[in-house]
Amino acid sequence: MFDIGFWELFIVAIIALLVLGPERLPGAIRSTSRTIRKVRNMAAGFQNEIEQQLRIQELHDNLKKAEEQQFENLSPDVKASVEELKAAAESVQKPYKKDDKGS
């Protein structure tokens, strides 16, 4: 991520030791590492959400293509998207079907 060599890191550590002192340096390192971890987790969450939204948009576009062609002579990727959407719709309806039978 950062192009920091050994000597640059060593100089930063010496400056931090001089500024913070040996008592506060471990706490500052823990705090910094926690903050970096939180930022990385947040970035990963954003990335996952964007990927999901792009996948949903792709499925939506393929469904529009399938509707335009009246679900005939579909390309393999559009067929796969339509089948995936059908499977998702069936999995969503399954819990409701069980409730209807049990009542």
Protein backbone atom coordinates (compact mmCIF):
# COMPACT_ATOMS: atom_id res chain seq x y z
CA MET A 1 0.00 0.00 0.00
CA PHE A 2 2.64 2.50 1.06
CA ASP A 3 6.12 2.40 -0.39
CA ILE A 4 7.99 2.81 2.89
CA GLY A 5 11.42 1.28 3.25
CA PHE A 6 13.17 0.11 6.38
CA TRP A 7 15.10 3.33 6.96
CA GLU A 8 12.04 5.54 6.55
CA LEU A 9 10.14 3.38 9.04
CA PHE A 10 13.11 3.46 11.42
CA ILE A 11 13.25 7.27 11.30
CA VAL A 12 9.50 7.55 11.93
CA ALA A 13 9.85 5.18 14.91
CA ILE A 14 12.71 7.24 16.38
CA ILE A 15 10.75 10.50 15.97
CA ALA A 16 7.65 8.90 17.54
CA LEU A 17 9.74 7.66 20.44
CA LEU A 18 11.19 11.13 20.97
CA VAL A 19 7.85 12.92 20.70
CA LEU A 20 5.63 10.50 22.63
CA GLY A 21 8.13 8.95 24.98
CA PRO A 22 8.48 5.29 25.90
CA GLU A 23 5.42 5.34 28.20
CA ARG A 24 2.84 6.53 25.66
CA LEU A 25 4.30 4.92 22.53
CA PRO A 26 2.71 1.42 22.98
CA GLY A 27 -0.74 2.95 23.52
CA ALA A 28 -0.33 5.14 20.45
CA ILE A 29 0.69 2.13 18.37
CA ARG A 30 -2.35 0.14 19.57
CA SER A 31 -4.66 3.05 18.88
CA THR A 32 -3.21 3.57 15.41
CA SER A 33 -3.46 -0.12 14.55
CA ARG A 34 -7.11 -0.22 15.73
CA THR A 35 -7.93 2.80 13.58
CA ILE A 36 -6.23 1.29 10.55
CA ARG A 37 -8.10 -1.99 11.10
CA LYS A 38 -11.44 -0.14 11.30
CA VAL A 39 -10.69 1.80 8.12
CA ARG A 40 -9.75 -1.41 6.28
CA ASN A 41 -12.93 -3.16 7.45
CA MET A 42 -15.02 -0.19 6.37
CA ALA A 43 -13.34 -0.13 2.96
CA ALA A 44 -13.94 -3.88 2.54
CA GLY A 45 -17.60 -3.37 3.45
CA PHE A 46 -17.95 -0.61 0.88
CA GLN A 47 -16.27 -2.75 -1.75
CA ASN A 48 -18.59 -5.69 -1.04
CA GLU A 49 -21.64 -3.46 -1.21
CA ILE A 50 -20.54 -1.97 -4.54
CA GLU A 51 -19.92 -5.45 -5.96
CA GLN A 52 -23.38 -6.56 -4.85
CA GLN A 53 -25.00 -3.49 -6.39
CA LEU A 54 -23.13 -4.06 -9.66
CA ARG A 55 -24.25 -7.71 -9.68
CA ILE A 56 -27.86 -6.67 -9.05
CA GLN A 57 -27.64 -4.12 -11.86
CA GLU A 58 -26.22 -6.77 -14.20
CA LEU A 59 -29.05 -9.17 -13.34
CA HIS A 60 -31.59 -6.38 -13.85
CA ASP A 61 -30.13 -5.50 -17.26
CA ASN A 62 -30.15 -9.16 -18.32
CA LEU A 63 -33.75 -9.51 -17.19
CA LYS A 64 -34.69 -6.49 -19.31
CA LYS A 65 -32.96 -8.08 -22.30
CA ALA A 66 -34.85 -11.32 -21.70
CA GLU A 67 -38.17 -9.47 -21.47
CA GLU A 68 -37.43 -7.60 -24.68
CA GLN A 69 -36.79 -10.92 -26.44
CA GLN A 70 -39.90 -12.47 -24.79
CA PHE A 71 -37.65 -15.08 -23.13
CA GLU A 72 -36.86 -16.70 -26.50
CA ASN A 73 -33.47 -17.15 -28.18
CA LEU A 74 -31.57 -15.86 -25.16
CA SER A 75 -27.80 -15.73 -24.99
CA PRO A 76 -26.21 -18.09 -22.44
CA ASP A 77 -25.32 -15.32 -19.97
CA VAL A 78 -28.84 -13.88 -20.08
CA LYS A 79 -30.30 -17.38 -19.65
CA ALA A 80 -28.05 -17.96 -16.64
CA SER A 81 -29.17 -14.67 -15.10
CA VAL A 82 -32.84 -15.48 -15.64
CA GLU A 83 -32.37 -18.94 -14.09
CA GLU A 84 -30.56 -17.38 -11.13
CA LEU A 85 -33.38 -14.92 -10.63
CA LYS A 86 -35.98 -17.71 -10.83
CA ALA A 87 -34.07 -19.74 -8.23
CA ALA A 88 -33.82 -16.71 -5.96
CA ALA A 89 -37.56 -16.04 -6.30
CA GLU A 90 -38.37 -19.67 -5.48
CA SER A 91 -36.11 -19.65 -2.41
CA VAL A 92 -37.81 -16.51 -1.14
CA GLN A 93 -41.27 -18.02 -1.59
CA LYS A 94 -40.47 -21.38 0.09
CA PRO A 95 -40.86 -20.17 3.70
CA TYR A 96 -44.23 -18.66 2.84
CA LYS A 97 -45.44 -21.86 1.21
CA LYS A 98 -44.62 -23.83 4.37
CA ASP A 99 -46.58 -21.35 6.49
CA ASP A 100 -49.61 -21.59 4.19
CA LYS A 101 -49.69 -25.40 4.46
CA GLY A 102 -49.27 -25.38 8.23
CA SER A 103 -52.17 -22.96 8.84
